[in-house]
C-alpha atoms as a PDB file:
ATOM      1  CA  MET A   1      26.555 -19.719  -4.732  1.00  0.00           C
ATOM      2  CA  SER A   2      27.703 -18.580  -1.292  1.00  0.00           C
ATOM      3  CA  GLY A   3      28.491 -15.141  -2.707  1.00  0.00           C
ATOM      4  CA  ASN A   4      25.001 -14.828  -4.138  1.00  0.00           C
ATOM      5  CA  LYS A   5      23.545 -16.039  -0.855  1.00  0.00           C
ATOM      6  CA  GLY A   6      25.444 -13.368   1.063  1.00  0.00           C
ATOM      7  CA  PHE A   7      24.283 -10.672  -1.357  1.00  0.00           C
ATOM      8  CA  MET A   8      20.654 -11.786  -1.041  1.00  0.00           C
ATOM      9  CA  ASP A   9      20.920 -11.782   2.755  1.00  0.00           C
ATOM     10  CA  ASP A  10      22.222  -8.208   2.684  1.00  0.00           C
ATOM     11  CA  GLN A  11      19.508  -7.191   0.226  1.00  0.00           C
ATOM     12  CA  LEU A  12      16.805  -8.710   2.421  1.00  0.00           C
ATOM     13  CA  ALA A  13      18.188  -6.977   5.515  1.00  0.00           C
ATOM     14  CA  ALA A  14      18.163  -3.610   3.725  1.00  0.00           C
ATOM     15  CA  MET A  15      14.599  -4.106   2.462  1.00  0.00           C
ATOM     16  CA  LEU A  16      13.343  -5.124   5.900  1.00  0.00           C
ATOM     17  CA  LEU A  17      14.983  -2.069   7.468  1.00  0.00           C
ATOM     18  CA  GLN A  18      13.405   0.230   4.874  1.00  0.00           C
ATOM     19  CA  GLU A  19      10.011  -1.368   5.400  1.00  0.00           C
ATOM     20  CA  GLN A  20      10.149  -1.004   9.164  1.00  0.00           C
ATOM     21  CA  LYS A  21      11.464   2.579   9.222  1.00  0.00           C
ATOM     22  CA  PHE A  22       9.571   4.248   6.400  1.00  0.00           C
ATOM     23  CA  TYR A  23       6.996   2.142   4.606  1.00  0.00           C
ATOM     24  CA  ARG A  24       4.665   0.552   7.138  1.00  0.00           C
ATOM     25  CA  CYS A  25       1.075   1.799   7.021  1.00  0.00           C
ATOM     26  CA  SER A  26      -1.557   1.843   9.747  1.00  0.00           C
ATOM     27  CA  ASP A  27      -5.100   0.623   9.130  1.00  0.00           C
ATOM     28  CA  TYR A  28      -6.673   4.024   8.516  1.00  0.00           C
ATOM     29  CA  LEU A  29      -9.832   2.513   7.012  1.00  0.00           C
ATOM     30  CA  GLY A  30     -10.501   0.176   9.916  1.00  0.00           C
ATOM     31  CA  SER A  31      -9.603   2.570  12.741  1.00  0.00           C
ATOM     32  CA  CYS A  32     -13.246   3.216  13.576  1.00  0.00           C
ATOM     33  CA  SER A  33     -14.540  -0.297  12.973  1.00  0.00           C
ATOM     34  CA  SER A  34     -13.611  -1.830  16.311  1.00  0.00           C
ATOM     35  CA  SER A  35     -15.999   0.186  18.455  1.00  0.00           C
ATOM     36  CA  THR A  36     -18.333  -1.915  20.587  1.00  0.00           C
ATOM     37  CA  GLU A  37     -20.659   0.936  21.406  1.00  0.00           C
ATOM     38  CA  HIS A  38     -24.260   0.883  20.240  1.00  0.00           C
ATOM     39  CA  PRO A  39     -24.649   2.601  16.874  1.00  0.00           C
ATOM     40  CA  VAL A  40     -26.007   6.101  16.777  1.00  0.00           C
ATOM     41  CA  PRO A  41     -28.183   7.123  13.817  1.00  0.00           C
ATOM     42  CA  ILE A  42     -26.265   9.160  11.268  1.00  0.00           C
ATOM     43  CA  THR A  43     -28.013  12.452  10.699  1.00  0.00           C
ATOM     44  CA  VAL A  44     -27.205  12.622   7.001  1.00  0.00           C
ATOM     45  CA  CYS A  45     -29.922  13.046   4.388  1.00  0.00           C
ATOM     46  CA  PRO A  46     -30.866   9.533   3.152  1.00  0.00           C
ATOM     47  CA  LEU A  47     -31.073  10.821  -0.414  1.00  0.00           C
ATOM     48  CA  GLN A  48     -27.515  12.117  -0.123  1.00  0.00           C
ATOM     49  CA  ILE A  49     -26.299   8.681   0.974  1.00  0.00           C
ATOM     50  CA  LEU A  50     -28.133   6.901  -1.840  1.00  0.00           C
ATOM     51  CA  ASN A  51     -26.836   9.328  -4.437  1.00  0.00           C
ATOM     52  CA  GLU A  52     -23.271   9.015  -3.155  1.00  0.00           C
ATOM     53  CA  MET A  53     -23.313   5.233  -3.232  1.00  0.00           C
ATOM     54  CA  ALA A  54     -24.947   5.166  -6.672  1.00  0.00           C
ATOM     55  CA  ASN A  55     -22.405   7.596  -8.091  1.00  0.00           C
ATOM     56  CA  LEU A  56     -19.542   5.350  -6.989  1.00  0.00           C
ATOM     57  CA  VAL A  57     -20.456   2.860  -9.671  1.00  0.00           C
ATOM     58  CA  THR A  58     -22.280   4.950 -12.276  1.00  0.00           C
ATOM     59  CA  ASP A  59     -20.515   8.295 -12.613  1.00  0.00           C
ATOM     60  CA  THR A  60     -17.878   8.688 -15.311  1.00  0.00           C
ATOM     61  CA  GLN A  61     -17.524  12.414 -14.690  1.00  0.00           C
ATOM     62  CA  LEU A  62     -17.701  14.379 -11.489  1.00  0.00           C
ATOM     63  CA  VAL A  63     -19.476  17.608 -10.730  1.00  0.00           C
ATOM     64  CA  ARG A  64     -16.814  20.259 -10.720  1.00  0.00           C
ATOM     65  CA  ILE A  65     -16.265  22.173  -7.495  1.00  0.00           C
ATOM     66  CA  ASP A  66     -13.979  25.075  -6.703  1.00  0.00           C
ATOM     67  CA  SER A  67     -10.491  23.610  -7.022  1.00  0.00           C
ATOM     68  CA  SER A  68      -9.153  25.963  -4.363  1.00  0.00           C
ATOM     69  CA  SER A  69     -11.033  23.931  -1.771  1.00  0.00           C
ATOM     70  CA  ASN A  70      -8.793  20.971  -2.536  1.00  0.00           C
ATOM     71  CA  PHE A  71      -5.861  22.536  -0.778  1.00  0.00           C
ATOM     72  CA  SER A  72      -7.162  25.403   1.304  1.00  0.00           C
ATOM     73  CA  LYS A  73     -10.121  25.998   3.560  1.00  0.00           C
ATOM     74  CA  SER A  74      -9.657  29.755   3.524  1.00  0.00           C
ATOM     75  CA  ASP A  75     -11.257  32.017   0.928  1.00  0.00           C
ATOM     76  CA  SER A  76      -8.378  34.432   1.347  1.00  0.00           C
ATOM     77  CA  LYS A  77      -5.975  31.890  -0.180  1.00  0.00           C
ATOM     78  CA  SER A  78      -8.063  30.976  -3.183  1.00  0.00           C
ATOM     79  CA  GLU A  79      -6.030  33.305  -5.396  1.00  0.00           C
ATOM     80  CA  ALA A  80      -2.698  31.777  -4.423  1.00  0.00           C
ATOM     81  CA  SER A  81      -0.893  29.265  -6.637  1.00  0.00           C
ATOM     82  CA  PRO A  82      -1.294  25.585  -5.648  1.00  0.00           C
ATOM     83  CA  THR A  83       2.384  25.359  -4.716  1.00  0.00           C
ATOM     84  CA  THR A  84       2.108  28.382  -2.424  1.00  0.00           C
ATOM     85  CA  VAL A  85      -1.019  27.017  -0.804  1.00  0.00           C
ATOM     86  CA  VAL A  86       0.664  23.657  -0.158  1.00  0.00           C
ATOM     87  CA  HIS A  87       3.694  25.407   1.336  1.00  0.00           C
ATOM     88  CA  ASP A  88       1.495  27.537   3.604  1.00  0.00           C
ATOM     89  CA  MET A  89      -0.397  24.457   4.732  1.00  0.00           C
ATOM     90  CA  TYR A  90       2.818  22.778   5.834  1.00  0.00           C
ATOM     91  CA  GLU A  91       3.957  25.919   7.619  1.00  0.00           C
ATOM     92  CA  SER A  92       0.815  25.848   9.752  1.00  0.00           C
ATOM     93  CA  PRO A  93       0.785  23.139  12.451  1.00  0.00           C
ATOM     94  CA  HIS A  94      -2.021  20.591  12.301  1.00  0.00           C
ATOM     95  CA  HIS A  95      -4.348  20.653  15.258  1.00  0.00           C
ATOM     96  CA  SER A  96      -5.769  17.458  16.685  1.00  0.00           C
ATOM     97  CA  ARG A  97      -9.489  16.958  16.455  1.00  0.00           C
ATOM     98  CA  PRO A  98     -11.418  17.337  19.693  1.00  0.00           C
ATOM     99  CA  PRO A  99     -12.887  14.178  21.262  1.00  0.00           C
ATOM    100  CA  LEU A 100     -15.585  12.781  19.005  1.00  0.00           C
ATOM    101  CA  SER A 101     -19.189  12.458  20.027  1.00  0.00           C
ATOM    102  CA  LYS A 102     -20.928   9.171  19.277  1.00  0.00           C
ATOM    103  CA  GLN A 103     -22.773  10.776  16.400  1.00  0.00           C
ATOM    104  CA  GLN A 104     -19.591  12.267  14.929  1.00  0.00           C
ATOM    105  CA  SER A 105     -17.877   8.892  15.293  1.00  0.00           C
ATOM    106  CA  GLN A 106     -20.642   7.296  13.237  1.00  0.00           C
ATOM    107  CA  ARG A 107     -20.201   9.953  10.552  1.00  0.00           C
ATOM    108  CA  ASP A 108     -16.470   9.189  10.457  1.00  0.00           C
ATOM    109  CA  LYS A 109     -17.215   5.497   9.992  1.00  0.00           C
ATOM    110  CA  PHE A 110     -19.469   6.368   7.085  1.00  0.00           C
ATOM    111  CA  GLU A 111     -16.785   8.590   5.532  1.00  0.00           C
ATOM    112  CA  LEU A 112     -14.141   5.865   5.891  1.00  0.00           C
ATOM    113  CA  SER A 113     -16.455   3.328   4.278  1.00  0.00           C
ATOM    114  CA  LEU A 114     -16.820   5.690   1.315  1.00  0.00           C
ATOM    115  CA  ILE A 115     -13.047   6.096   1.069  1.00  0.00           C
ATOM    116  CA  GLY A 116     -12.735   2.305   1.087  1.00  0.00           C
ATOM    117  CA  ALA A 117     -15.214   2.086  -1.798  1.00  0.00           C
ATOM    118  CA  TRP A 118     -13.366   4.812  -3.726  1.00  0.00           C
ATOM    119  CA  ARG A 119     -10.066   2.993  -3.142  1.00  0.00           C
ATOM    120  CA  SER A 120     -11.479  -0.216  -4.588  1.00  0.00           C
ATOM    121  CA  GLN A 121     -12.905   1.650  -7.569  1.00  0.00           C
ATOM    122  CA  MET A 122      -9.640   3.459  -8.305  1.00  0.00           C
ATOM    123  CA  PHE A 123      -7.598   0.269  -7.888  1.00  0.00           C
ATOM    124  CA  ASP A 124      -9.621  -1.421 -10.635  1.00  0.00           C
ATOM    125  CA  TRP A 125      -9.265   1.657 -12.840  1.00  0.00           C
ATOM    126  CA  ILE A 126      -5.477   1.905 -12.402  1.00  0.00           C
ATOM    127  CA  CYS A 127      -5.031  -1.820 -13.083  1.00  0.00           C
ATOM    128  CA  GLN A 128      -6.966  -1.401 -16.327  1.00  0.00           C
ATOM    129  CA  VAL A 129      -4.820   1.578 -17.329  1.00  0.00           C
ATOM    130  CA  VAL A 130      -1.593  -0.334 -16.634  1.00  0.00           C
ATOM    131  CA  ARG A 131      -2.749  -3.440 -18.504  1.00  0.00           C
ATOM    132  CA  PHE A 132      -4.053  -1.464 -21.479  1.00  0.00           C
ATOM    133  CA  SER A 133      -0.796   0.488 -21.715  1.00  0.00           C
ATOM    134  CA  GLN A 134       1.279  -2.695 -21.215  1.00  0.00           C
ATOM    135  CA  LEU A 135       3.212  -1.087 -18.378  1.00  0.00           C
ATOM    136  CA  ASN A 136       4.969  -2.708 -15.432  1.00  0.00           C
ATOM    137  CA  LYS A 137       2.398  -3.993 -12.919  1.00  0.00           C
ATOM    138  CA  GLY A 138       4.702  -3.106 -10.037  1.00  0.00           C
ATOM    139  CA  VAL A 139       3.763   0.554 -10.389  1.00  0.00           C
ATOM    140  CA  VAL A 140       0.270  -0.265  -9.072  1.00  0.00           C
ATOM    141  CA  GLU A 141       1.593  -1.466  -5.722  1.00  0.00           C
ATOM    142  CA  VAL A 142       4.002   1.464  -5.410  1.00  0.00           C
ATOM    143  CA  SER A 143       1.261   3.996  -6.113  1.00  0.00           C
ATOM    144  CA  PHE A 144      -1.099   2.486  -3.534  1.00  0.00           C
ATOM    145  CA  ASN A 145       1.647   2.255  -0.926  1.00  0.00           C
ATOM    146  CA  ILE A 146       2.203   5.987  -1.464  1.00  0.00           C
ATOM    147  CA  LEU A 147      -1.520   6.768  -1.431  1.00  0.00           C
ATOM    148  CA  ASP A 148      -2.340   4.712   1.674  1.00  0.00           C
ATOM    149  CA  ARG A 149       0.509   6.126   3.761  1.00  0.00           C
ATOM    150  CA  PHE A 150      -0.450   9.654   2.766  1.00  0.00           C
ATOM    151  CA  LEU A 151      -4.107   9.097   3.646  1.00  0.00           C
ATOM    152  CA  VAL A 152      -3.203   7.875   7.148  1.00  0.00           C
ATOM    153  CA  SER A 153      -2.486  11.455   8.227  1.00  0.00           C
ATOM    154  CA  LYS A 154      -4.804  13.150   5.738  1.00  0.00           C
ATOM    155  CA  VAL A 155      -8.016  11.541   7.028  1.00  0.00           C
ATOM    156  CA  GLN A 156      -7.100  12.480  10.609  1.00  0.00           C
ATOM    157  CA  HIS A 157      -7.189  16.195   9.844  1.00  0.00           C
ATOM    158  CA  ASP A 158      -9.412  16.710   6.818  1.00  0.00           C
ATOM    159  CA  ASN A 159     -12.543  15.405   5.204  1.00  0.00           C
ATOM    160  CA  ILE A 160     -11.787  14.181   1.691  1.00  0.00           C
ATOM    161  CA  SER A 161     -14.198  14.561  -1.187  1.00  0.00           C
ATOM    162  CA  ARG A 162     -14.413  12.043  -3.983  1.00  0.00           C
ATOM    163  CA  GLU A 163     -12.741  14.379  -6.485  1.00  0.00           C
ATOM    164  CA  GLU A 164      -9.887  15.046  -4.029  1.00  0.00           C
ATOM    165  CA  PHE A 165      -9.424  11.316  -3.515  1.00  0.00           C
ATOM    166  CA  ARG A 166      -9.178  10.744  -7.261  1.00  0.00           C
ATOM    167  CA  LEU A 167      -6.722  13.608  -7.570  1.00  0.00           C
ATOM    168  CA  TYR A 168      -4.475  12.163  -4.842  1.00  0.00           C
ATOM    169  CA  CYS A 169      -4.738   8.751  -6.474  1.00  0.00           C
ATOM    170  CA  LEU A 170      -3.694  10.140  -9.847  1.00  0.00           C
ATOM    171  CA  ALA A 171      -0.836  12.091  -8.236  1.00  0.00           C
ATOM    172  CA  SER A 172       0.361   8.941  -6.416  1.00  0.00           C
ATOM    173  CA  LEU A 173       0.354   7.033  -9.696  1.00  0.00           C
ATOM    174  CA  HIS A 174       2.331   9.835 -11.328  1.00  0.00           C
ATOM    175  CA  ILE A 175       4.916   9.731  -8.525  1.00  0.00           C
ATOM    176  CA  ALA A 176       5.163   5.938  -8.799  1.00  0.00           C
ATOM    177  CA  PHE A 177       5.949   6.165 -12.507  1.00  0.00           C
ATOM    178  CA  LYS A 178       8.647   8.748 -11.835  1.00  0.00           C
ATOM    179  CA  THR A 179      10.366   6.599  -9.186  1.00  0.00           C
ATOM    180  CA  SER A 180      10.049   3.211 -10.942  1.00  0.00           C
ATOM    181  CA  ALA A 181      12.654   3.068 -13.691  1.00  0.00           C
ATOM    182  CA  SER A 182      11.237  -0.135 -15.215  1.00  0.00           C
ATOM    183  CA  ALA A 183       7.610   0.988 -15.173  1.00  0.00           C
ATOM    184  CA  GLY A 184       7.757   3.098 -18.321  1.00  0.00           C
ATOM    185  CA  ARG A 185       6.822   6.741 -18.622  1.00  0.00           C
ATOM    186  CA  LEU A 186       3.625   8.584 -17.814  1.00  0.00           C
ATOM    187  CA  SER A 187       3.623  12.133 -19.112  1.00  0.00           C
ATOM    188  CA  MET A 188       1.582  14.914 -17.596  1.00  0.00           C
ATOM    189  CA  LYS A 189      -0.376  15.039 -20.858  1.00  0.00           C
ATOM    190  CA  GLN A 190      -1.306  11.373 -20.406  1.00  0.00           C
ATOM    191  CA  SER A 191      -2.302  12.021 -16.797  1.00  0.00           C
ATOM    192  CA  LEU A 192      -4.607  14.826 -17.859  1.00  0.00           C
ATOM    193  CA  SER A 193      -6.072  12.613 -20.558  1.00  0.00           C
ATOM    194  CA  MET A 194      -6.642   9.795 -18.052  1.00  0.00           C
ATOM    195  CA  SER A 195      -8.595  12.181 -15.840  1.00  0.00           C
ATOM    196  CA  GLY A 196     -10.850  13.108 -18.742  1.00  0.00           C
ATOM    197  CA  GLY A 197      -9.544  16.671 -18.579  1.00  0.00           C
ATOM    198  CA  PHE A 198     -11.101  17.065 -15.146  1.00  0.00           C
ATOM    199  CA  TYR A 199      -7.910  18.267 -13.413  1.00  0.00           C
ATOM    200  CA  GLN A 200      -5.418  20.945 -14.379  1.00  0.00           C
ATOM    201  CA  VAL A 201      -1.637  20.480 -14.515  1.00  0.00           C
ATOM    202  CA  GLU A 202      -1.198  22.784 -11.505  1.00  0.00           C
ATOM    203  CA  GLU A 203      -3.614  20.706  -9.411  1.00  0.00           C
ATOM    204  CA  ILE A 204      -1.780  17.440 -10.088  1.00  0.00           C
ATOM    205  CA  GLN A 205       1.578  19.063  -9.373  1.00  0.00           C
ATOM    206  CA  ALA A 206       0.294  20.587  -6.125  1.00  0.00           C
ATOM    207  CA  ALA A 207      -1.124  17.219  -5.040  1.00  0.00           C
ATOM    208  CA  GLU A 208       2.222  15.573  -5.834  1.00  0.00           C
ATOM    209  CA  LEU A 209       4.075  18.140  -3.738  1.00  0.00           C
ATOM    210  CA  GLU A 210       1.678  17.716  -0.823  1.00  0.00           C
ATOM    211  CA  ILE A 211       2.126  13.938  -0.893  1.00  0.00           C
ATOM    212  CA  LEU A 212       5.916  14.121  -1.209  1.00  0.00           C
ATOM    213  CA  GLN A 213       6.272  16.554   1.679  1.00  0.00           C
ATOM    214  CA  ASN A 214       3.882  14.571   3.853  1.00  0.00           C
ATOM    215  CA  LEU A 215       5.837  11.344   3.252  1.00  0.00           C
ATOM    216  CA  GLN A 216       9.192  13.139   3.514  1.00  0.00           C
ATOM    217  CA  TRP A 217      10.019  11.911   0.007  1.00  0.00           C
ATOM    218  CA  HIS A 218       9.971   8.240   0.985  1.00  0.00           C
ATOM    219  CA  VAL A 219       8.287   6.987  -2.184  1.00  0.00           C
ATOM    220  CA  ASN A 220      10.317   3.951  -3.260  1.00  0.00           C
ATOM    221  CA  PRO A 221       9.005   1.110  -1.077  1.00  0.00           C
ATOM    222  CA  PRO A 222      10.155  -2.513  -1.097  1.00  0.00           C
ATOM    223  CA  THR A 223       7.150  -4.202  -2.671  1.00  0.00           C
ATOM    224  CA  ILE A 224       5.404  -7.521  -2.130  1.00  0.00           C
ATOM    225  CA  MET A 225       6.758  -8.811  -5.437  1.00  0.00           C
ATOM    226  CA  ALA A 226      10.281  -7.622  -4.608  1.00  0.00           C
ATOM    227  CA  PHE A 227      10.154  -9.757  -1.462  1.00  0.00           C
ATOM    228  CA  CYS A 228       8.553 -12.675  -3.351  1.00  0.00           C
ATOM    229  CA  ASP A 229      11.292 -12.522  -5.965  1.00  0.00           C
ATOM    230  CA  LEU A 230      13.957 -12.628  -3.270  1.00  0.00           C
ATOM    231  CA  TYR A 231      12.346 -15.546  -1.438  1.00  0.00           C
ATOM    232  CA  LEU A 232      11.964 -17.532  -4.660  1.00  0.00           C
ATOM    233  CA  LYS A 233      15.592 -16.927  -5.608  1.00  0.00           C
ATOM    234  CA  LEU A 234      16.554 -18.849  -2.490  1.00  0.00           C
ATOM    235  CA  HIS A 235      15.164 -21.926  -4.260  1.00  0.00           C
ATOM    236  CA  GLU A 236      17.938 -24.188  -5.566  1.00  0.00           C
ATOM    237  CA  THR A 237      16.408 -24.819  -9.000  1.00  0.00           C
ATOM    238  CA  GLN A 238      14.960 -22.579 -11.703  1.00  0.00           C
ATOM    239  CA  LEU A 239      11.272 -21.962 -11.150  1.00  0.00           C
ATOM    240  CA  SER A 240       8.752 -21.698 -13.963  1.00  0.00           C
ATOM    241  CA  LYS A 241       7.138 -18.455 -15.065  1.00  0.00           C
ATOM    242  CA  LYS A 242       3.880 -19.961 -13.846  1.00  0.00           C
ATOM    243  CA  VAL A 243       5.090 -19.658 -10.245  1.00  0.00           C
ATOM    244  CA  TYR A 244       5.999 -15.986 -10.667  1.00  0.00           C
ATOM    245  CA  SER A 245       2.719 -15.254 -12.444  1.00  0.00           C
ATOM    246  CA  ALA A 246       0.788 -16.883  -9.601  1.00  0.00           C
ATOM    247  CA  CYS A 247       2.688 -14.733  -7.091  1.00  0.00           C
ATOM    248  CA  GLU A 248       1.910 -11.598  -9.130  1.00  0.00           C
ATOM    249  CA  TYR A 249      -1.771 -12.466  -9.185  1.00  0.00           C
ATOM    250  CA  MET A 250      -1.920 -13.042  -5.418  1.00  0.00           C
ATOM    251  CA  ALA A 251       0.030  -9.847  -4.760  1.00  0.00           C
ATOM    252  CA  GLU A 252      -2.519  -7.917  -6.823  1.00  0.00           C
ATOM    253  CA  VAL A 253      -5.346  -9.510  -4.835  1.00  0.00           C
ATOM    254  CA  ALA A 254      -3.658  -8.488  -1.570  1.00  0.00           C
ATOM    255  CA  ILE A 255      -3.104  -4.879  -2.663  1.00  0.00           C
ATOM    256  CA  ALA A 256      -6.787  -4.551  -3.524  1.00  0.00           C
ATOM    257  CA  ASP A 257      -7.949  -5.844  -0.131  1.00  0.00           C
ATOM    258  CA  GLU A 258      -8.166  -3.315   2.734  1.00  0.00           C
ATOM    259  CA  PHE A 259      -7.250  -6.074   5.202  1.00  0.00           C
ATOM    260  CA  PHE A 260      -3.622  -6.006   4.048  1.00  0.00           C
ATOM    261  CA  ILE A 261      -3.070  -2.231   4.237  1.00  0.00           C
ATOM    262  CA  SER A 262      -1.464  -2.424   7.683  1.00  0.00           C
ATOM    263  CA  LYS A 263       0.326  -5.747   7.126  1.00  0.00           C
ATOM    264  CA  PRO A 264       4.073  -5.779   6.321  1.00  0.00           C
ATOM    265  CA  CYS A 265       4.846  -6.578   2.695  1.00  0.00           C
ATOM    266  CA  SER A 266       7.584  -8.969   3.804  1.00  0.00           C
ATOM    267  CA  SER A 267       5.052 -11.128   5.655  1.00  0.00           C
ATOM    268  CA  ILE A 268       2.440 -10.922   2.884  1.00  0.00           C
ATOM    269  CA  ALA A 269       5.091 -11.971   0.355  1.00  0.00           C
ATOM    270  CA  LEU A 270       6.184 -14.906   2.490  1.00  0.00           C
ATOM    271  CA  ALA A 271       2.594 -16.113   2.847  1.00  0.00           C
ATOM    272  CA  ILE A 272       2.120 -15.794  -0.928  1.00  0.00           C
ATOM    273  CA  THR A 273       5.353 -17.691  -1.599  1.00  0.00           C
ATOM    274  CA  LEU A 274       4.343 -20.541   0.699  1.00  0.00           C
ATOM    275  CA  LEU A 275       0.841 -20.811  -0.783  1.00  0.00           C
ATOM    276  CA  VAL A 276       2.026 -20.697  -4.401  1.00  0.00           C
ATOM    277  CA  THR A 277       4.849 -23.199  -3.963  1.00  0.00           C
ATOM    278  CA  ARG A 278       2.495 -25.566  -2.156  1.00  0.00           C
ATOM    279  CA  LYS A 279      -0.085 -25.245  -4.925  1.00  0.00           C
ATOM    280  CA  GLU A 280       2.556 -25.860  -7.597  1.00  0.00           C
ATOM    281  CA  GLY A 281       3.742 -29.015  -5.861  1.00  0.00           C
ATOM    282  CA  ILE A 282       7.160 -27.767  -4.769  1.00  0.00           C
ATOM    283  CA  ARG A 283       8.429 -30.034  -2.054  1.00  0.00           C
ATOM    284  CA  PHE A 284       7.420 -29.264   1.512  1.00  0.00           C
ATOM    285  CA  ALA A 285      11.005 -29.498   2.751  1.00  0.00           C
ATOM    286  CA  TRP A 286      11.904 -26.349   0.809  1.00  0.00           C
ATOM    287  CA  ALA A 287       9.147 -24.363   2.509  1.00  0.00           C
ATOM    288  CA  GLN A 288      10.319 -25.578   5.895  1.00  0.00           C
ATOM    289  CA  LYS A 289      13.886 -24.591   5.045  1.00  0.00           C
ATOM    290  CA  LEU A 290      12.755 -21.135   3.923  1.00  0.00           C
ATOM    291  CA  LEU A 291      10.788 -20.567   7.117  1.00  0.00           C
ATOM    292  CA  GLN A 292      13.740 -21.672   9.206  1.00  0.00           C
ATOM    293  CA  GLU A 293      16.074 -19.343   7.329  1.00  0.00           C
ATOM    294  CA  LEU A 294      13.787 -16.327   7.698  1.00  0.00           C
ATOM    295  CA  ARG A 295      12.866 -16.922  11.322  1.00  0.00           C
ATOM    296  CA  GLY A 296      13.885 -13.963  13.435  1.00  0.00           C
ATOM    297  CA  ARG A 297      14.036 -11.656  10.410  1.00  0.00           C
ATOM    298  CA  VAL A 298      10.585 -11.885   8.830  1.00  0.00           C
ATOM    299  CA  PHE A 299       7.662 -12.112  11.241  1.00  0.00           C
ATOM    300  CA  VAL A 300       6.329 -15.661  10.747  1.00  0.00           C
ATOM    301  CA  GLU A 301       4.979 -16.512  14.167  1.00  0.00           C
ATOM    302  CA  GLY A 302       1.841 -15.466  15.989  1.00  0.00           C
ATOM    303  CA  ASP A 303      -1.717 -14.636  15.035  1.00  0.00           C
ATOM    304  CA  GLU A 304      -0.923 -11.918  12.471  1.00  0.00           C
ATOM    305  CA  PHE A 305       0.938 -14.182  10.050  1.00  0.00           C
ATOM    306  CA  GLU A 306      -1.712 -16.863  10.445  1.00  0.00           C
ATOM    307  CA  SER A 307      -4.415 -14.298   9.671  1.00  0.00           C
ATOM    308  CA  ILE A 308      -2.522 -13.239   6.526  1.00  0.00           C
ATOM    309  CA  LEU A 309      -2.391 -16.838   5.322  1.00  0.00           C
ATOM    310  CA  GLN A 310      -6.065 -17.399   6.052  1.00  0.00           C
ATOM    311  CA  GLN A 311      -7.169 -14.188   4.324  1.00  0.00           C
ATOM    312  CA  LEU A 312      -5.176 -15.011   1.199  1.00  0.00           C
ATOM    313  CA  GLU A 313      -6.633 -18.508   1.099  1.00  0.00           C
ATOM    314  CA  CYS A 314     -10.129 -17.024   1.312  1.00  0.00           C
ATOM    315  CA  LEU A 315      -9.464 -14.669  -1.603  1.00  0.00           C
ATOM    316  CA  ILE A 316      -8.048 -17.181  -4.091  1.00  0.00           C
END
């Protein structure tokens, strides 16, 4: 038992180090939401806003636009291959945006709210695809970890259209399947079929390359369920499948909620473990022992962990 305990301690230390160095994500959707300034009217056509919001829930197909605009702003590069365009983009340094006016800041808030709506829509779609195909649910979390970290820098430098967002989402899912050995296989043919034939092979491959280069190939994150599994293994007795299923459900709820984007998976997993074991009637002393054992390694003190617990309780 002591040998297993030592192995699990080493595994936890490695996962925490990976999480801290490579896989934390900032709250890119809430970055503009904390302003206390008085709102400035958004000078966008009201009909455009209504159409955009309506299309989020009604459109099954998108209006096709010039695919070259996905990866290049310059007309002179529209003839280049997607891979070349992506390479050229990384060769050119990104320039910071100038200070935003109040009106521009309001536009950015509107754009981020749209991205949040698209994220929710695509999360539901990917979950349906995974369930229908009877694939490993863990690929959903991996793909959204990849997507969210990529978008942190992407939204700072570029406006993202709805079709670009869906392309990046599909590319992130494709990467997640490639890196998750237990998730099954997702061929490029299946990816094209899932998109309704809207994207070409070259576009998905170019989006994959852009994401991989942006993230410096860090695309195998320690997931919420990986942490949950490790915490639960510290329990002295065999736990029922019901406990693991409850953890999986709560992890899925957390991934879907924008609130948790910037929260460490290790802390989310600990909160889930505590809530599930309490609900299933596992003795309180075990939870206290787990907290004591993880103190100093997993962040369990302060307002952030309390807010994670409270948010999860509100969602279940």
